[in-house]
PDB file of N, CA and C in Angstrom:
ATOM      1  N   MET A   1    -121.761 -76.402  41.792  1.00  0.00           N
ATOM      2  CA  MET A   1    -122.203 -77.773  41.822  1.00  0.00           C
ATOM      3  C   MET A   1    -123.664 -77.833  41.371  1.00  0.00           C
ATOM      4  N   ILE A   2    -124.007 -78.879  40.670  1.00  0.00           N
ATOM      5  CA  ILE A   2    -125.369 -79.121  40.216  1.00  0.00           C
ATOM      6  C   ILE A   2    -125.917 -80.306  41.000  1.00  0.00           C
ATOM      7  N   THR A   3    -127.109 -80.146  41.583  1.00  0.00           N
ATOM      8  CA  THR A   3    -127.761 -81.219  42.328  1.00  0.00           C
ATOM      9  C   THR A   3    -129.060 -81.562  41.617  1.00  0.00           C
ATOM     10  N   ARG A   4    -129.240 -82.832  41.296  1.00  0.00           N
ATOM     11  CA  ARG A   4    -130.448 -83.309  40.642  1.00  0.00           C
ATOM     12  C   ARG A   4    -131.187 -84.253  41.589  1.00  0.00           C
ATOM     13  N   THR A   5    -132.516 -84.067  41.712  1.00  0.00           N
ATOM     14  CA  THR A   5    -133.310 -84.939  42.575  1.00  0.00           C
ATOM     15  C   THR A   5    -134.529 -85.449  41.826  1.00  0.00           C
ATOM     16  N   GLY A   6    -135.050 -86.573  42.308  1.00  0.00           N
ATOM     17  CA  GLY A   6    -136.244 -87.153  41.707  1.00  0.00           C
ATOM     18  C   GLY A   6    -136.018 -87.660  40.305  1.00  0.00           C
ATOM     19  N   PRO A   7    -135.067 -88.579  40.124  1.00  0.00           N
ATOM     20  CA  PRO A   7    -134.799 -89.058  38.771  1.00  0.00           C
ATOM     21  C   PRO A   7    -136.027 -89.716  38.145  1.00  0.00           C
ATOM     22  N   MET A   8    -136.241 -89.406  36.872  1.00  0.00           N
ATOM     23  CA  MET A   8    -137.308 -90.008  36.078  1.00  0.00           C
ATOM     24  C   MET A   8    -136.672 -90.509  34.782  1.00  0.00           C
ATOM     25  N   SER A   9    -137.426 -91.178  33.969  1.00  0.00           N
ATOM     26  CA  SER A   9    -136.851 -91.754  32.752  1.00  0.00           C
ATOM     27  C   SER A   9    -136.352 -90.701  31.766  1.00  0.00           C
ATOM     28  N   ILE A  10    -136.924 -89.485  31.799  1.00  0.00           N
ATOM     29  CA  ILE A  10    -136.524 -88.463  30.825  1.00  0.00           C
ATOM     30  C   ILE A  10    -135.941 -87.198  31.452  1.00  0.00           C
ATOM     31  N   GLY A  11    -135.764 -87.183  32.748  1.00  0.00           N
ATOM     32  CA  GLY A  11    -135.233 -85.994  33.421  1.00  0.00           C
ATOM     33  C   GLY A  11    -135.286 -86.147  34.919  1.00  0.00           C
ATOM     34  N   HIS A  12    -135.378 -85.029  35.618  1.00  0.00           N
ATOM     35  CA  HIS A  12    -135.457 -85.008  37.079  1.00  0.00           C
ATOM     36  C   HIS A  12    -136.591 -84.098  37.518  1.00  0.00           C
ATOM     37  N   LYS A  13    -137.129 -84.353  38.710  1.00  0.00           N
ATOM     38  CA  LYS A  13    -138.163 -83.469  39.244  1.00  0.00           C
ATOM     39  C   LYS A  13    -137.607 -82.080  39.488  1.00  0.00           C
ATOM     40  N   ALA A  14    -136.336 -82.006  39.890  1.00  0.00           N
ATOM     41  CA  ALA A  14    -135.726 -80.700  40.136  1.00  0.00           C
ATOM     42  C   ALA A  14    -134.228 -80.761  39.909  1.00  0.00           C
ATOM     43  N   VAL A  15    -133.705 -79.605  39.531  1.00  0.00           N
ATOM     44  CA  VAL A  15    -132.262 -79.422  39.377  1.00  0.00           C
ATOM     45  C   VAL A  15    -131.909 -78.113  40.080  1.00  0.00           C
ATOM     46  N   GLU A  16    -130.877 -78.174  40.911  1.00  0.00           N
ATOM     47  CA  GLU A  16    -130.428 -76.981  41.636  1.00  0.00           C
ATOM     48  C   GLU A  16    -129.037 -76.589  41.166  1.00  0.00           C
ATOM     49  N   HIS A  17    -128.849 -75.281  40.955  1.00  0.00           N
ATOM     50  CA  HIS A  17    -127.545 -74.768  40.550  1.00  0.00           C
ATOM     51  C   HIS A  17    -127.408 -73.336  41.049  1.00  0.00           C
ATOM     52  N   GLU A  18    -126.311 -73.070  41.743  1.00  0.00           N
ATOM     53  CA  GLU A  18    -125.975 -71.736  42.240  1.00  0.00           C
ATOM     54  C   GLU A  18    -127.151 -71.052  42.950  1.00  0.00           C
ATOM     55  N   GLY A  19    -127.800 -71.788  43.847  1.00  0.00           N
ATOM     56  CA  GLY A  19    -128.847 -71.207  44.672  1.00  0.00           C
ATOM     57  C   GLY A  19    -130.201 -71.054  44.003  1.00  0.00           C
ATOM     58  N   VAL A  20    -130.378 -71.656  42.836  1.00  0.00           N
ATOM     59  CA  VAL A  20    -131.661 -71.608  42.138  1.00  0.00           C
ATOM     60  C   VAL A  20    -132.141 -73.035  41.915  1.00  0.00           C
ATOM     61  N   VAL A  21    -133.421 -73.272  42.224  1.00  0.00           N
ATOM     62  CA  VAL A  21    -134.024 -74.598  42.055  1.00  0.00           C
ATOM     63  C   VAL A  21    -135.000 -74.537  40.888  1.00  0.00           C
ATOM     64  N   TYR A  22    -134.788 -75.404  39.910  1.00  0.00           N
ATOM     65  CA  TYR A  22    -135.638 -75.494  38.735  1.00  0.00           C
ATOM     66  C   TYR A  22    -136.506 -76.744  38.884  1.00  0.00           C
ATOM     67  N   VAL A  23    -137.806 -76.545  39.000  1.00  0.00           N
ATOM     68  CA  VAL A  23    -138.734 -77.653  39.180  1.00  0.00           C
ATOM     69  C   VAL A  23    -139.297 -78.040  37.816  1.00  0.00           C
ATOM     70  N   GLY A  24    -139.120 -79.299  37.455  1.00  0.00           N
ATOM     71  CA  GLY A  24    -139.612 -79.782  36.169  1.00  0.00           C
ATOM     72  C   GLY A  24    -141.131 -79.842  36.147  1.00  0.00           C
ATOM     73  N   GLY A  25    -141.684 -80.113  34.993  1.00  0.00           N
ATOM     74  CA  GLY A  25    -143.128 -80.173  34.826  1.00  0.00           C
ATOM     75  C   GLY A  25    -143.770 -81.209  35.731  1.00  0.00           C
ATOM     76  N   LEU A  26    -144.675 -80.759  36.588  1.00  0.00           N
ATOM     77  CA  LEU A  26    -145.381 -81.640  37.516  1.00  0.00           C
ATOM     78  C   LEU A  26    -146.850 -81.701  37.143  1.00  0.00           C
ATOM     79  N   ILE A  27    -147.412 -82.899  37.242  1.00  0.00           N
ATOM     80  CA  ILE A  27    -148.837 -83.102  37.027  1.00  0.00           C
ATOM     81  C   ILE A  27    -149.418 -83.779  38.262  1.00  0.00           C
ATOM     82  N   ALA A  28    -150.730 -83.766  38.365  1.00  0.00           N
ATOM     83  CA  ALA A  28    -151.397 -84.429  39.491  1.00  0.00           C
ATOM     84  C   ALA A  28    -151.290 -85.947  39.342  1.00  0.00           C
ATOM     85  N   SER A  29    -151.330 -86.641  40.456  1.00  0.00           N
ATOM     86  CA  SER A  29    -151.370 -88.106  40.445  1.00  0.00           C
ATOM     87  C   SER A  29    -152.797 -88.595  40.268  1.00  0.00           C
ATOM     88  N   ASP A  30    -153.749 -87.878  40.863  1.00  0.00           N
ATOM     89  CA  ASP A  30    -155.170 -88.252  40.774  1.00  0.00           C
ATOM     90  C   ASP A  30    -155.812 -87.452  39.644  1.00  0.00           C
ATOM     91  N   LEU A  31    -155.869 -88.059  38.475  1.00  0.00           N
ATOM     92  CA  LEU A  31    -156.384 -87.369  37.296  1.00  0.00           C
ATOM     93  C   LEU A  31    -157.902 -87.349  37.232  1.00  0.00           C
ATOM     94  N   SER A  32    -158.556 -87.910  38.246  1.00  0.00           N
ATOM     95  CA  SER A  32    -160.020 -87.818  38.300  1.00  0.00           C
ATOM     96  C   SER A  32    -160.456 -86.465  38.856  1.00  0.00           C
ATOM     97  N   LYS A  33    -159.506 -85.716  39.433  1.00  0.00           N
ATOM     98  CA  LYS A  33    -159.816 -84.402  40.001  1.00  0.00           C
ATOM     99  C   LYS A  33    -160.072 -83.382  38.894  1.00  0.00           C
ATOM    100  N   ASP A  34    -160.851 -82.346  39.241  1.00  0.00           N
ATOM    101  CA  ASP A  34    -161.085 -81.247  38.320  1.00  0.00           C
ATOM    102  C   ASP A  34    -159.865 -80.327  38.302  1.00  0.00           C
ATOM    103  N   MET A  35    -159.956 -79.234  37.548  1.00  0.00           N
ATOM    104  CA  MET A  35    -158.820 -78.319  37.405  1.00  0.00           C
ATOM    105  C   MET A  35    -158.341 -77.795  38.757  1.00  0.00           C
ATOM    106  N   LYS A  36    -159.258 -77.385  39.615  1.00  0.00           N
ATOM    107  CA  LYS A  36    -158.861 -76.867  40.921  1.00  0.00           C
ATOM    108  C   LYS A  36    -158.167 -77.952  41.740  1.00  0.00           C
ATOM    109  N   GLY A  37    -158.716 -79.158  41.735  1.00  0.00           N
ATOM    110  CA  GLY A  37    -158.125 -80.256  42.490  1.00  0.00           C
ATOM    111  C   GLY A  37    -156.742 -80.635  41.987  1.00  0.00           C
ATOM    112  N   GLN A  38    -156.577 -80.694  40.655  1.00  0.00           N
ATOM    113  CA  GLN A  38    -155.260 -81.015  40.103  1.00  0.00           C
ATOM    114  C   GLN A  38    -154.252 -79.915  40.437  1.00  0.00           C
ATOM    115  N   THR A  39    -154.697 -78.656  40.372  1.00  0.00           N
ATOM    116  CA  THR A  39    -153.807 -77.546  40.708  1.00  0.00           C
ATOM    117  C   THR A  39    -153.359 -77.632  42.163  1.00  0.00           C
ATOM    118  N   ALA A  40    -154.286 -77.893  43.066  1.00  0.00           N
ATOM    119  CA  ALA A  40    -153.949 -77.993  44.494  1.00  0.00           C
ATOM    120  C   ALA A  40    -152.972 -79.137  44.742  1.00  0.00           C
ATOM    121  N   GLU A  41    -153.163 -80.252  44.058  1.00  0.00           N
ATOM    122  CA  GLU A  41    -152.255 -81.386  44.234  1.00  0.00           C
ATOM    123  C   GLU A  41    -150.856 -81.046  43.719  1.00  0.00           C
ATOM    124  N   ILE A  42    -150.781 -80.373  42.591  1.00  0.00           N
ATOM    125  CA  ILE A  42    -149.479 -79.962  42.061  1.00  0.00           C
ATOM    126  C   ILE A  42    -148.799 -78.991  43.018  1.00  0.00           C
ATOM    127  N   ALA A  43    -149.560 -78.092  43.621  1.00  0.00           N
ATOM    128  CA  ALA A  43    -149.001 -77.160  44.605  1.00  0.00           C
ATOM    129  C   ALA A  43    -148.343 -77.925  45.750  1.00  0.00           C
ATOM    130  N   GLU A  44    -148.994 -78.968  46.231  1.00  0.00           N
ATOM    131  CA  GLU A  44    -148.415 -79.796  47.290  1.00  0.00           C
ATOM    132  C   GLU A  44    -147.114 -80.452  46.823  1.00  0.00           C
ATOM    133  N   LYS A  45    -147.088 -80.896  45.584  1.00  0.00           N
ATOM    134  CA  LYS A  45    -145.874 -81.514  45.045  1.00  0.00           C
ATOM    135  C   LYS A  45    -144.740 -80.488  44.950  1.00  0.00           C
ATOM    136  N   ILE A  46    -145.068 -79.270  44.518  1.00  0.00           N
ATOM    137  CA  ILE A  46    -144.054 -78.218  44.455  1.00  0.00           C
ATOM    138  C   ILE A  46    -143.512 -77.947  45.852  1.00  0.00           C
ATOM    139  N   ASP A  47    -144.396 -77.870  46.834  1.00  0.00           N
ATOM    140  CA  ASP A  47    -143.957 -77.679  48.224  1.00  0.00           C
ATOM    141  C   ASP A  47    -142.942 -78.745  48.623  1.00  0.00           C
ATOM    142  N   ALA A  48    -143.236 -79.997  48.310  1.00  0.00           N
ATOM    143  CA  ALA A  48    -142.358 -81.110  48.695  1.00  0.00           C
ATOM    144  C   ALA A  48    -141.008 -81.032  47.986  1.00  0.00           C
ATOM    145  N   VAL A  49    -141.018 -80.738  46.696  1.00  0.00           N
ATOM    146  CA  VAL A  49    -139.763 -80.642  45.939  1.00  0.00           C
ATOM    147  C   VAL A  49    -138.910 -79.493  46.475  1.00  0.00           C
ATOM    148  N   LEU A  50    -139.529 -78.351  46.706  1.00  0.00           N
ATOM    149  CA  LEU A  50    -138.771 -77.209  47.225  1.00  0.00           C
ATOM    150  C   LEU A  50    -138.205 -77.494  48.613  1.00  0.00           C
ATOM    151  N   ALA A  51    -138.989 -78.159  49.469  1.00  0.00           N
ATOM    152  CA  ALA A  51    -138.512 -78.511  50.809  1.00  0.00           C
ATOM    153  C   ALA A  51    -137.288 -79.419  50.727  1.00  0.00           C
ATOM    154  N   GLU A  52    -137.305 -80.328  49.783  1.00  0.00           N
ATOM    155  CA  GLU A  52    -136.171 -81.235  49.592  1.00  0.00           C
ATOM    156  C   GLU A  52    -134.890 -80.456  49.258  1.00  0.00           C
ATOM    157  N   HIS A  53    -135.061 -79.287  48.666  1.00  0.00           N
ATOM    158  CA  HIS A  53    -133.914 -78.455  48.301  1.00  0.00           C
ATOM    159  C   HIS A  53    -133.672 -77.322  49.290  1.00  0.00           C
ATOM    160  N   GLY A  54    -134.374 -77.359  50.429  1.00  0.00           N
ATOM    161  CA  GLY A  54    -134.129 -76.374  51.466  1.00  0.00           C
ATOM    162  C   GLY A  54    -134.714 -75.005  51.198  1.00  0.00           C
ATOM    163  N   THR A  55    -135.808 -74.952  50.433  1.00  0.00           N
ATOM    164  CA  THR A  55    -136.467 -73.691  50.169  1.00  0.00           C
ATOM    165  C   THR A  55    -137.980 -73.903  50.240  1.00  0.00           C
ATOM    166  N   ASP A  56    -138.745 -72.889  49.903  1.00  0.00           N
ATOM    167  CA  ASP A  56    -140.208 -73.039  49.968  1.00  0.00           C
ATOM    168  C   ASP A  56    -140.896 -72.103  48.981  1.00  0.00           C
ATOM    169  N   LYS A  57    -142.211 -72.168  48.950  1.00  0.00           N
ATOM    170  CA  LYS A  57    -143.005 -71.433  47.968  1.00  0.00           C
ATOM    171  C   LYS A  57    -142.867 -69.918  48.088  1.00  0.00           C
ATOM    172  N   THR A  58    -142.453 -69.413  49.246  1.00  0.00           N
ATOM    173  CA  THR A  58    -142.278 -67.968  49.391  1.00  0.00           C
ATOM    174  C   THR A  58    -141.074 -67.472  48.601  1.00  0.00           C
ATOM    175  N   ARG A  59    -140.256 -68.391  48.114  1.00  0.00           N
ATOM    176  CA  ARG A  59    -139.044 -68.048  47.362  1.00  0.00           C
ATOM    177  C   ARG A  59    -139.207 -68.309  45.862  1.00  0.00           C
ATOM    178  N   LEU A  60    -140.445 -68.611  45.425  1.00  0.00           N
ATOM    179  CA  LEU A  60    -140.680 -68.832  44.001  1.00  0.00           C
ATOM    180  C   LEU A  60    -140.379 -67.568  43.209  1.00  0.00           C
ATOM    181  N   LEU A  61    -139.698 -67.743  42.091  1.00  0.00           N
ATOM    182  CA  LEU A  61    -139.366 -66.625  41.204  1.00  0.00           C
ATOM    183  C   LEU A  61    -140.293 -66.589  39.995  1.00  0.00           C
ATOM    184  N   SER A  62    -140.573 -67.758  39.433  1.00  0.00           N
ATOM    185  CA  SER A  62    -141.438 -67.822  38.265  1.00  0.00           C
ATOM    186  C   SER A  62    -142.123 -69.175  38.185  1.00  0.00           C
ATOM    187  N   ALA A  63    -143.226 -69.189  37.442  1.00  0.00           N
ATOM    188  CA  ALA A  63    -143.948 -70.433  37.181  1.00  0.00           C
ATOM    189  C   ALA A  63    -144.508 -70.361  35.765  1.00  0.00           C
ATOM    190  N   THR A  64    -144.467 -71.479  35.092  1.00  0.00           N
ATOM    191  CA  THR A  64    -145.097 -71.608  33.788  1.00  0.00           C
ATOM    192  C   THR A  64    -146.140 -72.702  33.916  1.00  0.00           C
ATOM    193  N   ILE A  65    -147.364 -72.353  33.562  1.00  0.00           N
ATOM    194  CA  ILE A  65    -148.498 -73.254  33.731  1.00  0.00           C
ATOM    195  C   ILE A  65    -149.072 -73.588  32.359  1.00  0.00           C
ATOM    196  N   PHE A  66    -149.214 -74.863  32.092  1.00  0.00           N
ATOM    197  CA  PHE A  66    -149.802 -75.333  30.842  1.00  0.00           C
ATOM    198  C   PHE A  66    -151.166 -75.926  31.168  1.00  0.00           C
ATOM    199  N   VAL A  67    -152.212 -75.458  30.494  1.00  0.00           N
ATOM    200  CA  VAL A  67    -153.566 -75.963  30.723  1.00  0.00           C
ATOM    201  C   VAL A  67    -154.202 -76.359  29.402  1.00  0.00           C
ATOM    202  N   THR A  68    -155.050 -77.371  29.479  1.00  0.00           N
ATOM    203  CA  THR A  68    -155.711 -77.854  28.270  1.00  0.00           C
ATOM    204  C   THR A  68    -156.987 -77.089  27.951  1.00  0.00           C
ATOM    205  N   ASP A  69    -157.478 -76.283  28.900  1.00  0.00           N
ATOM    206  CA  ASP A  69    -158.704 -75.519  28.676  1.00  0.00           C
ATOM    207  C   ASP A  69    -158.606 -74.185  29.410  1.00  0.00           C
ATOM    208  N   LEU A  70    -158.330 -73.131  28.668  1.00  0.00           N
ATOM    209  CA  LEU A  70    -158.188 -71.813  29.289  1.00  0.00           C
ATOM    210  C   LEU A  70    -159.488 -71.328  29.922  1.00  0.00           C
ATOM    211  N   ASN A  71    -160.617 -71.889  29.527  1.00  0.00           N
ATOM    212  CA  ASN A  71    -161.887 -71.529  30.154  1.00  0.00           C
ATOM    213  C   ASN A  71    -161.949 -71.983  31.610  1.00  0.00           C
ATOM    214  N   GLN A  72    -161.084 -72.933  31.996  1.00  0.00           N
ATOM    215  CA  GLN A  72    -161.038 -73.411  33.375  1.00  0.00           C
ATOM    216  C   GLN A  72    -160.015 -72.641  34.215  1.00  0.00           C
ATOM    217  N   ARG A  73    -159.431 -71.617  33.639  1.00  0.00           N
ATOM    218  CA  ARG A  73    -158.420 -70.828  34.357  1.00  0.00           C
ATOM    219  C   ARG A  73    -158.943 -70.256  35.679  1.00  0.00           C
ATOM    220  N   PRO A  74    -160.210 -69.794  35.770  1.00  0.00           N
ATOM    221  CA  PRO A  74    -160.668 -69.275  37.065  1.00  0.00           C
ATOM    222  C   PRO A  74    -160.565 -70.289  38.208  1.00  0.00           C
ATOM    223  N   SER A  75    -160.879 -71.560  37.958  1.00  0.00           N
ATOM    224  CA  SER A  75    -160.758 -72.547  39.042  1.00  0.00           C
ATOM    225  C   SER A  75    -159.300 -72.860  39.346  1.00  0.00           C
ATOM    226  N   MET A  76    -158.449 -72.815  38.328  1.00  0.00           N
ATOM    227  CA  MET A  76    -157.011 -72.984  38.553  1.00  0.00           C
ATOM    228  C   MET A  76    -156.493 -71.816  39.385  1.00  0.00           C
ATOM    229  N   ASN A  77    -156.902 -70.602  39.036  1.00  0.00           N
ATOM    230  CA  ASN A  77    -156.474 -69.423  39.785  1.00  0.00           C
ATOM    231  C   ASN A  77    -156.972 -69.450  41.226  1.00  0.00           C
ATOM    232  N   GLU A  78    -158.139 -70.015  41.448  1.00  0.00           N
ATOM    233  CA  GLU A  78    -158.664 -70.122  42.817  1.00  0.00           C
ATOM    234  C   GLU A  78    -157.738 -70.976  43.682  1.00  0.00           C
ATOM    235  N   ALA A  79    -157.344 -72.137  43.171  1.00  0.00           N
ATOM    236  CA  ALA A  79    -156.425 -73.001  43.921  1.00  0.00           C
ATOM    237  C   ALA A  79    -155.062 -72.322  44.086  1.00  0.00           C
ATOM    238  N   TRP A  80    -154.609 -71.644  43.043  1.00  0.00           N
ATOM    239  CA  TRP A  80    -153.310 -70.974  43.056  1.00  0.00           C
ATOM    240  C   TRP A  80    -153.262 -69.891  44.137  1.00  0.00           C
ATOM    241  N   THR A  81    -154.312 -69.071  44.192  1.00  0.00           N
ATOM    242  CA  THR A  81    -154.319 -67.972  45.169  1.00  0.00           C
ATOM    243  C   THR A  81    -154.573 -68.464  46.589  1.00  0.00           C
ATOM    244  N   GLU A  82    -155.234 -69.601  46.736  1.00  0.00           N
ATOM    245  CA  GLU A  82    -155.380 -70.201  48.069  1.00  0.00           C
ATOM    246  C   GLU A  82    -154.039 -70.720  48.565  1.00  0.00           C
ATOM    247  N   TRP A  83    -153.203 -71.180  47.652  1.00  0.00           N
ATOM    248  CA  TRP A  83    -151.910 -71.756  48.004  1.00  0.00           C
ATOM    249  C   TRP A  83    -150.853 -70.681  48.276  1.00  0.00           C
ATOM    250  N   LEU A  84    -150.851 -69.621  47.481  1.00  0.00           N
ATOM    251  CA  LEU A  84    -149.788 -68.622  47.571  1.00  0.00           C
ATOM    252  C   LEU A  84    -150.297 -67.283  48.085  1.00  0.00           C
ATOM    253  N   PRO A  85    -149.678 -66.760  49.151  1.00  0.00           N
ATOM    254  CA  PRO A  85    -150.033 -65.413  49.607  1.00  0.00           C
ATOM    255  C   PRO A  85    -149.697 -64.393  48.510  1.00  0.00           C
ATOM    256  N   ALA A  86    -150.500 -63.348  48.399  1.00  0.00           N
ATOM    257  CA  ALA A  86    -150.338 -62.355  47.336  1.00  0.00           C
ATOM    258  C   ALA A  86    -148.928 -61.773  47.278  1.00  0.00           C
ATOM    259  N   GLU A  87    -148.335 -61.526  48.434  1.00  0.00           N
ATOM    260  CA  GLU A  87    -147.027 -60.876  48.463  1.00  0.00           C
ATOM    261  C   GLU A  87    -145.879 -61.781  48.021  1.00  0.00           C
ATOM    262  N   THR A  88    -146.131 -63.082  47.878  1.00  0.00           N
ATOM    263  CA  THR A  88    -145.040 -63.985  47.478  1.00  0.00           C
ATOM    264  C   THR A  88    -145.294 -64.657  46.137  1.00  0.00           C
ATOM    265  N   ARG A  89    -146.319 -64.250  45.421  1.00  0.00           N
ATOM    266  CA  ARG A  89    -146.614 -64.885  44.132  1.00  0.00           C
ATOM    267  C   ARG A  89    -145.519 -64.554  43.121  1.00  0.00           C
ATOM    268  N   PRO A  90    -145.093 -65.576  42.353  1.00  0.00           N
ATOM    269  CA  PRO A  90    -144.019 -65.379  41.380  1.00  0.00           C
ATOM    270  C   PRO A  90    -144.529 -64.744  40.085  1.00  0.00           C
ATOM    271  N   ALA A  91    -143.596 -64.383  39.226  1.00  0.00           N
ATOM    272  CA  ALA A  91    -143.946 -64.057  37.850  1.00  0.00           C
ATOM    273  C   ALA A  91    -144.533 -65.345  37.254  1.00  0.00           C
ATOM    274  N   ARG A  92    -145.545 -65.193  36.405  1.00  0.00           N
ATOM    275  CA  ARG A  92    -146.252 -66.395  35.965  1.00  0.00           C
ATOM    276  C   ARG A  92    -146.785 -66.231  34.549  1.00  0.00           C
ATOM    277  N   ALA A  93    -146.789 -67.332  33.821  1.00  0.00           N
ATOM    278  CA  ALA A  93    -147.439 -67.380  32.521  1.00  0.00           C
ATOM    279  C   ALA A  93    -148.335 -68.611  32.491  1.00  0.00           C
ATOM    280  N   THR A  94    -149.508 -68.460  31.897  1.00  0.00           N
ATOM    281  CA  THR A  94    -150.415 -69.587  31.703  1.00  0.00           C
ATOM    282  C   THR A  94    -150.595 -69.761  30.203  1.00  0.00           C
ATOM    283  N   ILE A  95    -150.322 -70.962  29.736  1.00  0.00           N
ATOM    284  CA  ILE A  95    -150.317 -71.242  28.308  1.00  0.00           C
ATOM    285  C   ILE A  95    -151.325 -72.341  28.005  1.00  0.00           C
ATOM    286  N   GLY A  96    -152.203 -72.081  27.060  1.00  0.00           N
ATOM    287  CA  GLY A  96    -153.157 -73.099  26.627  1.00  0.00           C
ATOM    288  C   GLY A  96    -152.488 -74.049  25.649  1.00  0.00           C
ATOM    289  N   VAL A  97    -152.696 -75.338  25.887  1.00  0.00           N
ATOM    290  CA  VAL A  97    -152.127 -76.376  25.014  1.00  0.00           C
ATOM    291  C   VAL A  97    -153.222 -77.338  24.587  1.00  0.00           C
ATOM    292  N   ASN A  98    -152.990 -78.016  23.509  1.00  0.00           N
ATOM    293  CA  ASN A  98    -153.979 -78.932  22.963  1.00  0.00           C
ATOM    294  C   ASN A  98    -154.150 -80.189  23.815  1.00  0.00           C
ATOM    295  N   ASP A  99    -153.036 -80.746  24.297  1.00  0.00           N
ATOM    296  CA  ASP A  99    -153.114 -82.040  24.986  1.00  0.00           C
ATOM    297  C   ASP A  99    -151.914 -82.216  25.905  1.00  0.00           C
ATOM    298  N   LEU A 100    -152.167 -82.682  27.117  1.00  0.00           N
ATOM    299  CA  LEU A 100    -151.093 -83.004  28.071  1.00  0.00           C
ATOM    300  C   LEU A 100    -151.081 -84.485  28.423  1.00  0.00           C
ATOM    301  N   GLY A 101    -151.953 -85.257  27.798  1.00  0.00           N
ATOM    302  CA  GLY A 101    -152.081 -86.673  28.105  1.00  0.00           C
ATOM    303  C   GLY A 101    -153.459 -86.939  28.683  1.00  0.00           C
ATOM    304  N   ALA A 102    -153.863 -88.171  28.650  1.00  0.00           N
ATOM    305  CA  ALA A 102    -155.208 -88.562  29.090  1.00  0.00           C
ATOM    306  C   ALA A 102    -155.477 -88.116  30.526  1.00  0.00           C
ATOM    307  N   GLY A 103    -156.484 -87.284  30.704  1.00  0.00           N
ATOM    308  CA  GLY A 103    -156.899 -86.858  32.030  1.00  0.00           C
ATOM    309  C   GLY A 103    -156.099 -85.716  32.640  1.00  0.00           C
ATOM    310  N   VAL A 104    -154.979 -85.371  32.038  1.00  0.00           N
ATOM    311  CA  VAL A 104    -154.133 -84.309  32.583  1.00  0.00           C
ATOM    312  C   VAL A 104    -154.685 -82.961  32.122  1.00  0.00           C
ATOM    313  N   LEU A 105    -155.085 -82.137  33.075  1.00  0.00           N
ATOM    314  CA  LEU A 105    -155.649 -80.822  32.768  1.00  0.00           C
ATOM    315  C   LEU A 105    -154.629 -79.704  32.895  1.00  0.00           C
ATOM    316  N   ILE A 106    -153.561 -79.944  33.684  1.00  0.00           N
ATOM    317  CA  ILE A 106    -152.602 -78.895  33.998  1.00  0.00           C
ATOM    318  C   ILE A 106    -151.234 -79.498  34.302  1.00  0.00           C
ATOM    319  N   GLU A 107    -150.195 -78.779  33.888  1.00  0.00           N
ATOM    320  CA  GLU A 107    -148.811 -79.117  34.213  1.00  0.00           C
ATOM    321  C   GLU A 107    -148.111 -77.819  34.594  1.00  0.00           C
ATOM    322  N   VAL A 108    -147.267 -77.866  35.621  1.00  0.00           N
ATOM    323  CA  VAL A 108    -146.625 -76.656  36.119  1.00  0.00           C
ATOM    324  C   VAL A 108    -145.116 -76.876  36.242  1.00  0.00           C
ATOM    325  N   THR A 109    -144.349 -75.895  35.765  1.00  0.00           N
ATOM    326  CA  THR A 109    -142.921 -75.830  36.036  1.00  0.00           C
ATOM    327  C   THR A 109    -142.689 -74.583  36.890  1.00  0.00           C
ATOM    328  N   ALA A 110    -141.619 -74.588  37.671  1.00  0.00           N
ATOM    329  CA  ALA A 110    -141.365 -73.449  38.549  1.00  0.00           C
ATOM    330  C   ALA A 110    -139.862 -73.269  38.762  1.00  0.00           C
ATOM    331  N   VAL A 111    -139.512 -72.046  39.161  1.00  0.00           N
ATOM    332  CA  VAL A 111    -138.131 -71.712  39.506  1.00  0.00           C
ATOM    333  C   VAL A 111    -138.174 -70.992  40.843  1.00  0.00           C
ATOM    334  N   ALA A 112    -137.297 -71.400  41.759  1.00  0.00           N
ATOM    335  CA  ALA A 112    -137.262 -70.787  43.086  1.00  0.00           C
ATOM    336  C   ALA A 112    -135.825 -70.508  43.512  1.00  0.00           C
ATOM    337  N   ALA A 113    -135.676 -69.463  44.311  1.00  0.00           N
ATOM    338  CA  ALA A 113    -134.392 -69.163  44.933  1.00  0.00           C
ATOM    339  C   ALA A 113    -134.256 -70.000  46.195  1.00  0.00           C
ATOM    340  N   LYS A 114    -133.026 -70.267  46.583  1.00  0.00           N
ATOM    341  CA  LYS A 114    -132.789 -70.975  47.854  1.00  0.00           C
ATOM    342  C   LYS A 114    -132.915 -70.028  48.992  1.00  0.00           C
TER     343      LYS A 114
END
């Protein structure tokens, strides 16, 4: 069975299939925040989406992070490591992109086990 939650105009916030939760690209709501602030807000959103599917951040398998300025990666990593204990951090890629939209510094997708 496939379960979709958080319907949006072009997709869903998450899709679950056979015990795996795929979290769609999430951005911060408060785009006035700096890279660390936007990252922390996205982490909270990931927590909420995973909870809705009966899992949590300790079950993350992978994350793909898109940032508009790789020079700001240290502040993104600071928020990331504050959020996730070292022993539960997923496989991860950080990709620099030209543009994510006005004010958007970071977008994150994730995959977690149930």
